[in-house]
Amino acid sequence: RDETSMRPIALKGHERALTMIKYNRDGDLLFTVAKDHVPSAWYADNGEHIGTYQGHTGAVWCVSVNEDSTMLLTGSADNTARLWDVESGVELMTFKHPSPVRAVDFALGDSKFLTVLDNIMGNKPTVSIYELAKGIRKSKEGQSAEAVLKFVGHDSKINRALWGPLNKTIVTCSDDASIREWDSRTGEQLRKLAAHRDKITDIQFAWDFSFLVSASKDCTAKLIDLETFEVLKSYECDRPLNSAHISPLKEAPYVIVGGGQDAMSVTTTSSKMGKLDAVFYHLVFEDELGSVKGHFGPINSLQVAPHGRSYASGGEDGYVRIHHFDESYFTAEEEAFNPTFLQVADRK
C-alpha cells in the first residue's frame, strides 16, 4: 500500500538514541526515554513537547506510566529507578540498585511496581517488587525504598518484564532466548518457553492480555497464547528485531515490528540497506502487508496507541515518529475479505 499519504510527525527532543517509548492508557500522552539521561513527555496527537524529567545521570533504559497518568517510573544506567509526578515533573522518590535498571512496570491498580536489575558488576538478573504507598504524590512518608520480593531465574540479561493479568503473574524475556512466567506473590517460576533462537529484545501484551508478542534478534516475532504459553504464529523478517506490538482493533488485525542492523554496521549502508522501516504483518495469516520508512537508524522501540488509530516509533537516530493511520488502513481488511463492501463503498 502507498504510505506517502500517511505523513508522520517527527519529534526531536532527545540528543541520543531512543531506548523506549510508552503511551499512557488513554493514548493522548507519549513518554520517551533515551541514552541522553532526560525522559520526555509529549502530546500524542500533535507531537507538542510538554516537558522533561530532570534527575538521571545515566542512560535511561525503560519507562512506565500508571493508570491515571499521574506518575511516571523510569529505570537508568545510573543504578536507580525513579518515580516522578507526571504533571509537575517533580521527582517523588529514588530507588537505588546495585547495577543498572533494565525494566520497570506499574502493576494494575498502581499499588505495586517492579524493576529489573542488569546482570553486570557481579549481579544476577533480578526482578524486584515494591509496594507503592497511596499518598506518595503528597509525601514520601510511608514509602519504603526496599523491595518486598526479589527473585532470579534467567541465565542472561532480562530485557523486559511485565505484570500479567490481575497482577497474578510477571512475564519476562531475556538474552537467554526464553520467555518465562513467574508467580508474583512467591517469585516461583511457573512456565518457560524457548520461543526464539537468539536474544529476545521485547515483549508486549495484546490489549486484553489474551496474547503476547515477542521480538528477537533471530529476525522473527512470535505471537504467544498466554493461556497455553505456546507459540501460535511466527512473523519472519529480514532483520534483527528490537520491538513488536499488536494493533488493538479487530478491523485492523496487524502486528507491527521494527529493528534493523545495529548502529555499527548501519552507518556504512543506506537506510534501505539497513532495513530501518517498520513492517506490518497480518496477525492471523502471517503475511507481510507493507512497511513505513522514516528512521535513519534502527527502530529501538515502537508501540500502537491504545485507541489503535496511530503508532509511534523511537529510533537510534534520536527521533520519535508518530504516524496517524489514514482511512485505508482501517478498511483494507474488510475490502480484502468482503466483496460486497466494495459495492457499498462505490455507491457512497
C-alpha atoms as a PDB file:
ATOM      1  CA  ARG A   1       0.000   0.000   0.000  1.00  0.00           C
ATOM      2  CA  ASP A   2       1.082   3.572  -0.615  1.00  0.00           C
ATOM      3  CA  GLU A   3       2.231   5.105   2.647  1.00  0.00           C
ATOM      4  CA  THR A   4       3.017   8.544   1.232  1.00  0.00           C
ATOM      5  CA  SER A   5      -0.369   9.885   2.364  1.00  0.00           C
ATOM      6  CA  MET A   6       0.368   8.926   5.969  1.00  0.00           C
ATOM      7  CA  ARG A   7       2.558  11.847   6.944  1.00  0.00           C
ATOM      8  CA  PRO A   8       4.479  11.303  10.170  1.00  0.00           C
ATOM      9  CA  ILE A   9       5.143  13.787  12.938  1.00  0.00           C
ATOM     10  CA  ALA A  10       8.883  13.734  13.676  1.00  0.00           C
ATOM     11  CA  LEU A  11       9.786  14.655  17.254  1.00  0.00           C
ATOM     12  CA  LYS A  12      13.299  15.819  18.025  1.00  0.00           C
ATOM     13  CA  GLY A  13      13.625  16.127  21.782  1.00  0.00           C
ATOM     14  CA  HIS A  14      16.482  13.759  22.509  1.00  0.00           C
ATOM     15  CA  GLU A  15      20.162  14.190  21.767  1.00  0.00           C
ATOM     16  CA  ARG A  16      20.946  10.463  21.690  1.00  0.00           C
ATOM     17  CA  ALA A  17      19.356   7.164  20.696  1.00  0.00           C
ATOM     18  CA  LEU A  18      15.850   6.357  21.913  1.00  0.00           C
ATOM     19  CA  THR A  19      15.614   3.317  24.194  1.00  0.00           C
ATOM     20  CA  MET A  20      11.871   3.066  24.862  1.00  0.00           C
ATOM     21  CA  ILE A  21       8.585   4.837  24.148  1.00  0.00           C
ATOM     22  CA  LYS A  22       5.322   4.396  26.040  1.00  0.00           C
ATOM     23  CA  TYR A  23       1.755   5.630  25.523  1.00  0.00           C
ATOM     24  CA  ASN A  24      -0.416   6.317  28.536  1.00  0.00           C
ATOM     25  CA  ARG A  25      -3.635   4.348  28.972  1.00  0.00           C
ATOM     26  CA  ASP A  26      -5.792   6.887  27.101  1.00  0.00           C
ATOM     27  CA  GLY A  27      -3.339   7.263  24.235  1.00  0.00           C
ATOM     28  CA  ASP A  28      -3.229  11.063  24.479  1.00  0.00           C
ATOM     29  CA  LEU A  29       0.267  11.265  26.003  1.00  0.00           C
ATOM     30  CA  LEU A  30       3.539   9.737  24.851  1.00  0.00           C
ATOM     31  CA  PHE A  31       6.562   9.270  27.112  1.00  0.00           C
ATOM     32  CA  THR A  32      10.025   8.716  25.677  1.00  0.00           C
ATOM     33  CA  VAL A  33      13.396   7.817  27.186  1.00  0.00           C
ATOM     34  CA  ALA A  34      16.842   7.750  25.618  1.00  0.00           C
ATOM     35  CA  LYS A  35      20.547   7.490  26.285  1.00  0.00           C
ATOM     36  CA  ASP A  36      20.660  11.241  26.952  1.00  0.00           C
ATOM     37  CA  HIS A  37      19.518  10.962  30.627  1.00  0.00           C
ATOM     38  CA  VAL A  38      16.325  13.039  30.177  1.00  0.00           C
ATOM     39  CA  PRO A  39      12.826  11.427  29.895  1.00  0.00           C
ATOM     40  CA  SER A  40      10.328  13.497  27.893  1.00  0.00           C
ATOM     41  CA  ALA A  41       6.547  13.871  27.681  1.00  0.00           C
ATOM     42  CA  TRP A  42       4.610  14.763  24.501  1.00  0.00           C
ATOM     43  CA  TYR A  43       1.051  15.225  23.328  1.00  0.00           C
ATOM     44  CA  ALA A  44       0.475  12.155  21.176  1.00  0.00           C
ATOM     45  CA  ASP A  45      -1.982  13.832  18.817  1.00  0.00           C
ATOM     46  CA  ASN A  46       0.153  16.698  17.505  1.00  0.00           C
ATOM     47  CA  GLY A  47       3.626  15.893  18.887  1.00  0.00           C
ATOM     48  CA  GLU A  48       3.830  19.016  21.043  1.00  0.00           C
ATOM     49  CA  HIS A  49       6.595  18.739  23.647  1.00  0.00           C
ATOM     50  CA  ILE A  50       5.157  19.031  27.170  1.00  0.00           C
ATOM     51  CA  GLY A  51       8.343  18.838  29.211  1.00  0.00           C
ATOM     52  CA  THR A  52      11.208  16.783  30.623  1.00  0.00           C
ATOM     53  CA  TYR A  53      12.074  14.992  33.863  1.00  0.00           C
ATOM     54  CA  GLN A  54      15.469  16.085  35.181  1.00  0.00           C
ATOM     55  CA  GLY A  55      17.486  13.945  37.585  1.00  0.00           C
ATOM     56  CA  HIS A  56      19.033  10.860  36.000  1.00  0.00           C
ATOM     57  CA  THR A  57      22.790  10.853  35.469  1.00  0.00           C
ATOM     58  CA  GLY A  58      22.983   7.922  33.052  1.00  0.00           C
ATOM     59  CA  ALA A  59      21.209   6.499  30.016  1.00  0.00           C
ATOM     60  CA  VAL A  60      17.528   5.814  30.727  1.00  0.00           C
ATOM     61  CA  TRP A  61      16.585   2.303  29.587  1.00  0.00           C
ATOM     62  CA  CYS A  62      12.907   1.984  30.413  1.00  0.00           C
ATOM     63  CA  VAL A  63       9.695   3.831  31.282  1.00  0.00           C
ATOM     64  CA  SER A  64       6.216   3.042  32.611  1.00  0.00           C
ATOM     65  CA  VAL A  65       3.228   5.289  33.316  1.00  0.00           C
ATOM     66  CA  ASN A  66       0.471   4.498  35.814  1.00  0.00           C
ATOM     67  CA  GLU A  67      -3.221   4.063  35.009  1.00  0.00           C
ATOM     68  CA  ASP A  68      -4.416   7.631  35.535  1.00  0.00           C
ATOM     69  CA  SER A  69      -1.244   9.219  34.100  1.00  0.00           C
ATOM     70  CA  THR A  70      -0.261  10.914  37.364  1.00  0.00           C
ATOM     71  CA  MET A  71       3.038   9.064  37.962  1.00  0.00           C
ATOM     72  CA  LEU A  72       5.951   8.035  35.778  1.00  0.00           C
ATOM     73  CA  LEU A  73       8.547   5.367  36.549  1.00  0.00           C
ATOM     74  CA  THR A  74      11.961   5.236  34.857  1.00  0.00           C
ATOM     75  CA  GLY A  75      14.974   2.928  35.109  1.00  0.00           C
ATOM     76  CA  SER A  76      18.504   4.029  34.304  1.00  0.00           C
ATOM     77  CA  ALA A  77      22.162   3.120  33.910  1.00  0.00           C
ATOM     78  CA  ASP A  78      22.822   5.367  36.929  1.00  0.00           C
ATOM     79  CA  ASN A  79      21.678   2.378  39.073  1.00  0.00           C
ATOM     80  CA  THR A  80      18.356   3.932  40.040  1.00  0.00           C
ATOM     81  CA  ALA A  81      14.655   3.658  39.340  1.00  0.00           C
ATOM     82  CA  ARG A  82      12.913   6.997  39.821  1.00  0.00           C
ATOM     83  CA  LEU A  83       9.291   7.884  40.435  1.00  0.00           C
ATOM     84  CA  TRP A  84       8.033  11.191  39.025  1.00  0.00           C
ATOM     85  CA  ASP A  85       4.945  13.358  39.220  1.00  0.00           C
ATOM     86  CA  VAL A  86       3.810  13.485  35.579  1.00  0.00           C
ATOM     87  CA  GLU A  87       2.199  16.928  35.709  1.00  0.00           C
ATOM     88  CA  SER A  88       4.824  18.857  37.689  1.00  0.00           C
ATOM     89  CA  GLY A  89       7.938  16.908  36.667  1.00  0.00           C
ATOM     90  CA  VAL A  90       8.958  16.643  40.333  1.00  0.00           C
ATOM     91  CA  GLU A  91      10.951  13.564  41.351  1.00  0.00           C
ATOM     92  CA  LEU A  92       8.944  11.818  44.077  1.00  0.00           C
ATOM     93  CA  MET A  93      11.342   9.025  45.065  1.00  0.00           C
ATOM     94  CA  THR A  94      14.628   7.386  44.084  1.00  0.00           C
ATOM     95  CA  PHE A  95      15.028   3.618  44.407  1.00  0.00           C
ATOM     96  CA  LYS A  96      18.721   2.732  44.438  1.00  0.00           C
ATOM     97  CA  HIS A  97      20.003  -0.516  42.907  1.00  0.00           C
ATOM     98  CA  PRO A  98      23.442  -2.188  42.814  1.00  0.00           C
ATOM     99  CA  SER A  99      23.530  -2.090  38.974  1.00  0.00           C
ATOM    100  CA  PRO A 100      21.595  -0.522  36.063  1.00  0.00           C
ATOM    101  CA  VAL A 101      17.795  -0.907  35.952  1.00  0.00           C
ATOM    102  CA  ARG A 102      16.736  -2.514  32.669  1.00  0.00           C
ATOM    103  CA  ALA A 103      12.934  -2.717  33.006  1.00  0.00           C
ATOM    104  CA  VAL A 104      10.151  -1.147  35.086  1.00  0.00           C
ATOM    105  CA  ASP A 105       6.365  -1.644  35.135  1.00  0.00           C
ATOM    106  CA  PHE A 106       3.435  -0.427  37.218  1.00  0.00           C
ATOM    107  CA  ALA A 107       1.017  -3.104  38.418  1.00  0.00           C
ATOM    108  CA  LEU A 108      -2.706  -2.857  37.700  1.00  0.00           C
ATOM    109  CA  GLY A 109      -4.220  -0.601  40.353  1.00  0.00           C
ATOM    110  CA  ASP A 110      -0.923   1.215  40.972  1.00  0.00           C
ATOM    111  CA  SER A 111      -0.335  -0.409  44.371  1.00  0.00           C
ATOM    112  CA  LYS A 112       2.936  -2.058  43.271  1.00  0.00           C
ATOM    113  CA  PHE A 113       5.646  -1.795  40.663  1.00  0.00           C
ATOM    114  CA  LEU A 114       8.567  -3.929  39.509  1.00  0.00           C
ATOM    115  CA  THR A 115      12.153  -3.249  38.497  1.00  0.00           C
ATOM    116  CA  VAL A 116      14.755  -5.439  36.784  1.00  0.00           C
ATOM    117  CA  LEU A 117      18.429  -5.462  37.709  1.00  0.00           C
ATOM    118  CA  ASP A 118      21.069  -5.732  34.981  1.00  0.00           C
ATOM    119  CA  ASN A 119      23.423  -8.709  35.251  1.00  0.00           C
ATOM    120  CA  ILE A 120      26.683  -6.759  35.356  1.00  0.00           C
ATOM    121  CA  MET A 121      29.101  -5.871  38.132  1.00  0.00           C
ATOM    122  CA  GLY A 122      28.663  -9.335  39.653  1.00  0.00           C
ATOM    123  CA  ASN A 123      24.855  -9.087  39.896  1.00  0.00           C
ATOM    124  CA  LYS A 124      22.332 -11.640  38.677  1.00  0.00           C
ATOM    125  CA  PRO A 125      19.356 -10.556  36.522  1.00  0.00           C
ATOM    126  CA  THR A 126      16.888  -9.915  39.349  1.00  0.00           C
ATOM    127  CA  VAL A 127      13.219  -8.915  39.370  1.00  0.00           C
ATOM    128  CA  SER A 128      12.268  -6.783  42.397  1.00  0.00           C
ATOM    129  CA  ILE A 129       8.722  -5.938  43.511  1.00  0.00           C
ATOM    130  CA  TYR A 130       7.969  -2.771  45.510  1.00  0.00           C
ATOM    131  CA  GLU A 131       4.835  -1.692  47.340  1.00  0.00           C
ATOM    132  CA  LEU A 132       3.672   1.809  46.419  1.00  0.00           C
ATOM    133  CA  ALA A 133       2.290   3.998  49.205  1.00  0.00           C
ATOM    134  CA  LYS A 134      -1.094   5.607  48.452  1.00  0.00           C
ATOM    135  CA  GLY A 135      -0.153   9.194  49.264  1.00  0.00           C
ATOM    136  CA  ILE A 136       3.271   9.112  47.604  1.00  0.00           C
ATOM    137  CA  ARG A 137       2.481  12.157  45.416  1.00  0.00           C
ATOM    138  CA  LYS A 138       1.941  14.302  48.519  1.00  0.00           C
ATOM    139  CA  SER A 139       4.514  12.803  50.891  1.00  0.00           C
ATOM    140  CA  LYS A 140       7.305  10.213  50.952  1.00  0.00           C
ATOM    141  CA  GLU A 141       6.193   9.195  54.412  1.00  0.00           C
ATOM    142  CA  GLY A 142       5.202   5.549  54.477  1.00  0.00           C
ATOM    143  CA  GLN A 143       7.007   4.746  51.217  1.00  0.00           C
ATOM    144  CA  SER A 144       9.701   2.105  51.626  1.00  0.00           C
ATOM    145  CA  ALA A 145      12.790   2.149  49.431  1.00  0.00           C
ATOM    146  CA  GLU A 146      13.207  -1.619  49.918  1.00  0.00           C
ATOM    147  CA  ALA A 147      11.683  -4.338  47.726  1.00  0.00           C
ATOM    148  CA  VAL A 148       9.118  -6.702  49.258  1.00  0.00           C
ATOM    149  CA  LEU A 149      10.166  -9.574  46.960  1.00  0.00           C
ATOM    150  CA  LYS A 150      13.172 -10.386  44.783  1.00  0.00           C
ATOM    151  CA  PHE A 151      13.695 -13.387  42.521  1.00  0.00           C
ATOM    152  CA  VAL A 152      16.168 -14.624  39.915  1.00  0.00           C
ATOM    153  CA  GLY A 153      15.965 -17.306  37.251  1.00  0.00           C
ATOM    154  CA  HIS A 154      17.126 -16.126  33.853  1.00  0.00           C
ATOM    155  CA  ASP A 155      20.647 -17.001  32.734  1.00  0.00           C
ATOM    156  CA  SER A 156      21.265 -13.683  30.948  1.00  0.00           C
ATOM    157  CA  LYS A 157      20.098 -10.075  30.895  1.00  0.00           C
ATOM    158  CA  ILE A 158      16.344  -9.511  31.227  1.00  0.00           C
ATOM    159  CA  ASN A 159      15.171  -7.042  28.585  1.00  0.00           C
ATOM    160  CA  ARG A 160      11.517  -6.640  29.551  1.00  0.00           C
ATOM    161  CA  ALA A 161       9.290  -7.559  32.498  1.00  0.00           C
ATOM    162  CA  LEU A 162       5.510  -7.073  32.548  1.00  0.00           C
ATOM    163  CA  TRP A 163       2.735  -7.690  35.055  1.00  0.00           C
ATOM    164  CA  GLY A 164       0.345 -10.358  33.814  1.00  0.00           C
ATOM    165  CA  PRO A 165      -3.474 -10.375  34.094  1.00  0.00           C
ATOM    166  CA  LEU A 166      -4.751  -9.158  37.501  1.00  0.00           C
ATOM    167  CA  ASN A 167      -1.150  -8.906  38.766  1.00  0.00           C
ATOM    168  CA  LYS A 168      -1.091 -12.658  39.473  1.00  0.00           C
ATOM    169  CA  THR A 169       1.970 -13.254  37.306  1.00  0.00           C
ATOM    170  CA  ILE A 170       5.013 -11.493  35.875  1.00  0.00           C
ATOM    171  CA  VAL A 171       6.259 -12.288  32.373  1.00  0.00           C
ATOM    172  CA  THR A 172       9.891 -11.683  31.396  1.00  0.00           C
ATOM    173  CA  CYS A 173      12.064 -12.043  28.297  1.00  0.00           C
ATOM    174  CA  SER A 174      15.828 -12.336  28.172  1.00  0.00           C
ATOM    175  CA  ASP A 175      19.044 -12.593  26.199  1.00  0.00           C
ATOM    176  CA  ASP A 176      18.912 -16.324  27.062  1.00  0.00           C
ATOM    177  CA  ALA A 177      16.195 -16.614  24.328  1.00  0.00           C
ATOM    178  CA  SER A 178      13.456 -17.630  26.770  1.00  0.00           C
ATOM    179  CA  ILE A 179      10.180 -16.121  27.925  1.00  0.00           C
ATOM    180  CA  ARG A 180       9.229 -17.023  31.489  1.00  0.00           C
ATOM    181  CA  GLU A 181       6.176 -16.626  33.673  1.00  0.00           C
ATOM    182  CA  TRP A 182       6.511 -16.147  37.432  1.00  0.00           C
ATOM    183  CA  ASP A 183       4.153 -16.182  40.401  1.00  0.00           C
ATOM    184  CA  SER A 184       4.148 -12.536  41.522  1.00  0.00           C
ATOM    185  CA  ARG A 185       3.484 -13.461  45.172  1.00  0.00           C
ATOM    186  CA  THR A 186       6.244 -16.048  45.614  1.00  0.00           C
ATOM    187  CA  GLY A 187       8.688 -15.472  42.737  1.00  0.00           C
ATOM    188  CA  GLU A 188       8.325 -19.119  41.724  1.00  0.00           C
ATOM    189  CA  GLN A 189       8.814 -19.879  38.029  1.00  0.00           C
ATOM    190  CA  LEU A 190       5.549 -21.216  36.593  1.00  0.00           C
ATOM    191  CA  ARG A 191       6.317 -21.687  32.897  1.00  0.00           C
ATOM    192  CA  LYS A 192       9.207 -21.320  30.483  1.00  0.00           C
ATOM    193  CA  LEU A 193       9.077 -21.016  26.701  1.00  0.00           C
ATOM    194  CA  ALA A 194      12.094 -21.280  24.407  1.00  0.00           C
ATOM    195  CA  ALA A 195      10.402 -19.144  21.784  1.00  0.00           C
ATOM    196  CA  HIS A 196      13.437 -17.917  19.834  1.00  0.00           C
ATOM    197  CA  ARG A 197      16.926 -18.881  18.705  1.00  0.00           C
ATOM    198  CA  ASP A 198      18.560 -15.600  19.776  1.00  0.00           C
ATOM    199  CA  LYS A 199      18.138 -12.732  22.237  1.00  0.00           C
ATOM    200  CA  ILE A 200      14.533 -11.669  22.900  1.00  0.00           C
ATOM    201  CA  THR A 201      14.522  -7.887  22.853  1.00  0.00           C
ATOM    202  CA  ASP A 202      10.879  -7.074  23.606  1.00  0.00           C
ATOM    203  CA  ILE A 203       7.531  -8.497  24.729  1.00  0.00           C
ATOM    204  CA  GLN A 204       4.210  -6.636  24.721  1.00  0.00           C
ATOM    205  CA  PHE A 205       0.687  -7.788  25.567  1.00  0.00           C
ATOM    206  CA  ALA A 206      -2.389  -7.513  23.394  1.00  0.00           C
ATOM    207  CA  TRP A 207      -4.887  -5.021  24.851  1.00  0.00           C
ATOM    208  CA  ASP A 208      -6.924  -7.797  26.526  1.00  0.00           C
ATOM    209  CA  PHE A 209      -3.950  -9.881  27.764  1.00  0.00           C
ATOM    210  CA  SER A 210      -5.015 -12.821  25.569  1.00  0.00           C
ATOM    211  CA  PHE A 211      -1.790 -12.784  23.559  1.00  0.00           C
ATOM    212  CA  LEU A 212       1.818 -11.777  23.919  1.00  0.00           C
ATOM    213  CA  VAL A 213       4.026 -10.706  21.029  1.00  0.00           C
ATOM    214  CA  SER A 214       7.800 -11.076  21.221  1.00  0.00           C
ATOM    215  CA  ALA A 215      10.615  -9.617  19.107  1.00  0.00           C
ATOM    216  CA  SER A 216      14.047 -11.180  18.730  1.00  0.00           C
ATOM    217  CA  LYS A 217      17.485 -10.776  17.204  1.00  0.00           C
ATOM    218  CA  ASP A 218      16.763 -14.029  15.299  1.00  0.00           C
ATOM    219  CA  CYS A 219      14.738 -11.879  12.816  1.00  0.00           C
ATOM    220  CA  THR A 220      11.330 -13.169  13.934  1.00  0.00           C
ATOM    221  CA  ALA A 221       8.400 -12.004  16.031  1.00  0.00           C
ATOM    222  CA  LYS A 222       6.144 -14.590  17.704  1.00  0.00           C
ATOM    223  CA  LEU A 223       2.517 -14.498  18.793  1.00  0.00           C
ATOM    224  CA  ILE A 224       2.083 -16.424  22.043  1.00  0.00           C
ATOM    225  CA  ASP A 225      -1.162 -17.616  23.627  1.00  0.00           C
ATOM    226  CA  LEU A 226      -0.991 -16.506  27.240  1.00  0.00           C
ATOM    227  CA  GLU A 227      -3.334 -19.269  28.421  1.00  0.00           C
ATOM    228  CA  THR A 228      -1.381 -22.189  26.926  1.00  0.00           C
ATOM    229  CA  PHE A 229       2.008 -20.407  26.755  1.00  0.00           C
ATOM    230  CA  GLU A 230       2.536 -21.765  23.241  1.00  0.00           C
ATOM    231  CA  VAL A 231       3.615 -20.056  20.015  1.00  0.00           C
ATOM    232  CA  LEU A 232       0.614 -19.571  17.709  1.00  0.00           C
ATOM    233  CA  LYS A 233       2.138 -17.546  14.876  1.00  0.00           C
ATOM    234  CA  SER A 234       5.586 -16.614  13.643  1.00  0.00           C
ATOM    235  CA  TYR A 235       6.358 -13.474  11.628  1.00  0.00           C
ATOM    236  CA  GLU A 236       9.534 -13.937   9.591  1.00  0.00           C
ATOM    237  CA  CYS A 237      11.521 -10.781   8.917  1.00  0.00           C
ATOM    238  CA  ASP A 238      14.807  -9.971   7.161  1.00  0.00           C
ATOM    239  CA  ARG A 239      16.446  -8.025  10.007  1.00  0.00           C
ATOM    240  CA  PRO A 240      17.143  -8.322  13.738  1.00  0.00           C
ATOM    241  CA  LEU A 241      14.059  -7.061  15.603  1.00  0.00           C
ATOM    242  CA  ASN A 242      14.030  -4.759  18.621  1.00  0.00           C
ATOM    243  CA  SER A 243      10.303  -4.259  19.174  1.00  0.00           C
ATOM    244  CA  ALA A 244       6.844  -5.564  18.229  1.00  0.00           C
ATOM    245  CA  HIS A 245       3.271  -4.652  19.099  1.00  0.00           C
ATOM    246  CA  ILE A 246      -0.268  -5.849  18.302  1.00  0.00           C
ATOM    247  CA  SER A 247      -2.949  -3.497  16.985  1.00  0.00           C
ATOM    248  CA  PRO A 248      -5.923  -3.357  19.412  1.00  0.00           C
ATOM    249  CA  LEU A 249      -8.558  -3.019  16.659  1.00  0.00           C
ATOM    250  CA  LYS A 250     -10.411  -6.014  15.239  1.00  0.00           C
ATOM    251  CA  GLU A 251     -10.812  -4.224  11.887  1.00  0.00           C
ATOM    252  CA  ALA A 252      -7.017  -3.853  11.758  1.00  0.00           C
ATOM    253  CA  PRO A 253      -5.627  -7.240  12.881  1.00  0.00           C
ATOM    254  CA  TYR A 254      -1.960  -6.425  12.414  1.00  0.00           C
ATOM    255  CA  VAL A 255       1.376  -6.877  14.128  1.00  0.00           C
ATOM    256  CA  ILE A 256       3.922  -4.093  13.688  1.00  0.00           C
ATOM    257  CA  VAL A 257       7.633  -4.854  14.116  1.00  0.00           C
ATOM    258  CA  GLY A 258      10.762  -2.725  13.988  1.00  0.00           C
ATOM    259  CA  GLY A 259      14.503  -3.204  14.174  1.00  0.00           C
ATOM    260  CA  GLY A 260      17.370  -3.057  11.717  1.00  0.00           C
ATOM    261  CA  GLN A 261      21.097  -3.547  11.555  1.00  0.00           C
ATOM    262  CA  ASP A 262      22.989  -2.425  14.623  1.00  0.00           C
ATOM    263  CA  ALA A 263      24.420   1.080  14.754  1.00  0.00           C
ATOM    264  CA  MET A 264      27.953  -0.110  13.975  1.00  0.00           C
ATOM    265  CA  SER A 265      27.100  -1.529  10.566  1.00  0.00           C
ATOM    266  CA  VAL A 266      24.211   0.710   9.578  1.00  0.00           C
ATOM    267  CA  THR A 267      26.438   3.774   9.241  1.00  0.00           C
ATOM    268  CA  THR A 268      28.091   2.175   6.224  1.00  0.00           C
ATOM    269  CA  THR A 269      24.806   1.458   4.411  1.00  0.00           C
ATOM    270  CA  SER A 270      21.824   3.375   3.100  1.00  0.00           C
ATOM    271  CA  SER A 271      18.561   3.375   5.064  1.00  0.00           C
ATOM    272  CA  LYS A 272      17.167   0.903   2.520  1.00  0.00           C
ATOM    273  CA  MET A 273      20.079  -1.487   3.002  1.00  0.00           C
ATOM    274  CA  GLY A 274      19.885  -1.122   6.760  1.00  0.00           C
ATOM    275  CA  LYS A 275      16.227  -2.218   6.709  1.00  0.00           C
ATOM    276  CA  LEU A 276      15.133   0.542   9.058  1.00  0.00           C
ATOM    277  CA  ASP A 277      11.397   0.639   8.260  1.00  0.00           C
ATOM    278  CA  ALA A 278       8.507  -0.541  10.441  1.00  0.00           C
ATOM    279  CA  VAL A 279       6.928  -3.678   8.943  1.00  0.00           C
ATOM    280  CA  PHE A 280       3.249  -4.655   9.153  1.00  0.00           C
ATOM    281  CA  TYR A 281       2.121  -8.304   9.276  1.00  0.00           C
ATOM    282  CA  HIS A 282      -1.329  -9.832   9.260  1.00  0.00           C
ATOM    283  CA  LEU A 283      -1.968 -11.176  12.759  1.00  0.00           C
ATOM    284  CA  VAL A 284      -3.606 -14.418  11.586  1.00  0.00           C
ATOM    285  CA  PHE A 285      -2.159 -15.156   8.136  1.00  0.00           C
ATOM    286  CA  GLU A 286       1.407 -14.006   8.952  1.00  0.00           C
ATOM    287  CA  ASP A 287       1.700 -12.211   5.596  1.00  0.00           C
ATOM    288  CA  GLU A 288       3.867  -9.135   5.278  1.00  0.00           C
ATOM    289  CA  LEU A 289       1.471  -6.378   4.249  1.00  0.00           C
ATOM    290  CA  GLY A 290       3.654  -3.312   3.934  1.00  0.00           C
ATOM    291  CA  SER A 291       6.189  -1.083   5.595  1.00  0.00           C
ATOM    292  CA  VAL A 292       6.682   2.520   6.681  1.00  0.00           C
ATOM    293  CA  LYS A 293      10.036   4.209   6.172  1.00  0.00           C
ATOM    294  CA  GLY A 294      11.417   7.184   8.038  1.00  0.00           C
ATOM    295  CA  HIS A 295      14.135   6.449  10.564  1.00  0.00           C
ATOM    296  CA  PHE A 296      17.822   6.768   9.693  1.00  0.00           C
ATOM    297  CA  GLY A 297      18.863   4.218  12.334  1.00  0.00           C
ATOM    298  CA  PRO A 298      17.394   1.015  13.723  1.00  0.00           C
ATOM    299  CA  ILE A 299      13.972   1.236  15.399  1.00  0.00           C
ATOM    300  CA  ASN A 300      14.586   0.523  19.087  1.00  0.00           C
ATOM    301  CA  SER A 301      11.019   0.770  20.354  1.00  0.00           C
ATOM    302  CA  LEU A 302       7.537   1.013  18.881  1.00  0.00           C
ATOM    303  CA  GLN A 303       4.000   0.912  20.193  1.00  0.00           C
ATOM    304  CA  VAL A 304       0.494   1.176  18.770  1.00  0.00           C
ATOM    305  CA  ALA A 305      -1.646   3.731  20.603  1.00  0.00           C
ATOM    306  CA  PRO A 306      -4.337   2.150  22.851  1.00  0.00           C
ATOM    307  CA  HIS A 307      -7.079   3.548  20.575  1.00  0.00           C
ATOM    308  CA  GLY A 308      -5.406   1.910  17.560  1.00  0.00           C
ATOM    309  CA  ARG A 309      -5.546   4.982  15.314  1.00  0.00           C
ATOM    310  CA  SER A 310      -1.819   5.716  15.354  1.00  0.00           C
ATOM    311  CA  TYR A 311       1.549   4.279  16.290  1.00  0.00           C
ATOM    312  CA  ALA A 312       4.858   5.733  17.390  1.00  0.00           C
ATOM    313  CA  SER A 313       8.444   4.562  16.978  1.00  0.00           C
ATOM    314  CA  GLY A 314      11.725   5.607  18.557  1.00  0.00           C
ATOM    315  CA  GLY A 315      14.994   5.131  16.726  1.00  0.00           C
ATOM    316  CA  GLU A 316      18.744   5.017  17.105  1.00  0.00           C
ATOM    317  CA  ASP A 317      18.727   8.298  15.150  1.00  0.00           C
ATOM    318  CA  GLY A 318      17.319  10.164  18.181  1.00  0.00           C
ATOM    319  CA  TYR A 319      13.928  10.812  16.570  1.00  0.00           C
ATOM    320  CA  VAL A 320      10.450   9.780  17.665  1.00  0.00           C
ATOM    321  CA  ARG A 321       7.973   9.445  14.810  1.00  0.00           C
ATOM    322  CA  ILE A 322       4.202   9.462  15.321  1.00  0.00           C
ATOM    323  CA  HIS A 323       2.125   8.057  12.462  1.00  0.00           C
ATOM    324  CA  HIS A 324      -1.635   8.652  12.339  1.00  0.00           C
ATOM    325  CA  PHE A 325      -3.227   5.987  10.144  1.00  0.00           C
ATOM    326  CA  ASP A 326      -5.297   7.108   7.164  1.00  0.00           C
ATOM    327  CA  GLU A 327      -8.731   5.693   6.336  1.00  0.00           C
ATOM    328  CA  SER A 328      -7.474   2.935   4.024  1.00  0.00           C
ATOM    329  CA  TYR A 329      -5.661   1.302   6.961  1.00  0.00           C
ATOM    330  CA  PHE A 330      -8.989   0.610   8.688  1.00  0.00           C
ATOM    331  CA  THR A 331     -10.869  -0.592   5.602  1.00  0.00           C
ATOM    332  CA  ALA A 332      -8.189  -2.772   3.946  1.00  0.00           C
ATOM    333  CA  GLU A 333      -9.168  -5.893   5.898  1.00  0.00           C
ATOM    334  CA  GLU A 334     -12.858  -5.536   5.091  1.00  0.00           C
ATOM    335  CA  GLU A 335     -12.120  -4.837   1.422  1.00  0.00           C
ATOM    336  CA  ALA A 336      -9.949  -7.937   1.114  1.00  0.00           C
ATOM    337  CA  PHE A 337     -12.462 -10.416   2.543  1.00  0.00           C
ATOM    338  CA  ASN A 338     -15.868  -8.920   1.788  1.00  0.00           C
ATOM    339  CA  PRO A 339     -16.579  -8.203  -1.909  1.00  0.00           C
ATOM    340  CA  THR A 340     -19.895  -6.523  -1.057  1.00  0.00           C
ATOM    341  CA  PHE A 341     -18.001  -3.915   0.952  1.00  0.00           C
ATOM    342  CA  LEU A 342     -16.540  -2.520  -2.274  1.00  0.00           C
ATOM    343  CA  GLN A 343     -20.016  -2.279  -3.861  1.00  0.00           C
ATOM    344  CA  VAL A 344     -21.384  -0.397  -0.867  1.00  0.00           C
ATOM    345  CA  ALA A 345     -18.355   1.907  -0.865  1.00  0.00           C
ATOM    346  CA  ASP A 346     -18.845   2.609  -4.589  1.00  0.00           C
ATOM    347  CA  ARG A 347     -22.488   3.603  -4.029  1.00  0.00           C
ATOM    348  CA  LYS A 348     -21.356   6.183  -1.463  1.00  0.00           C
END
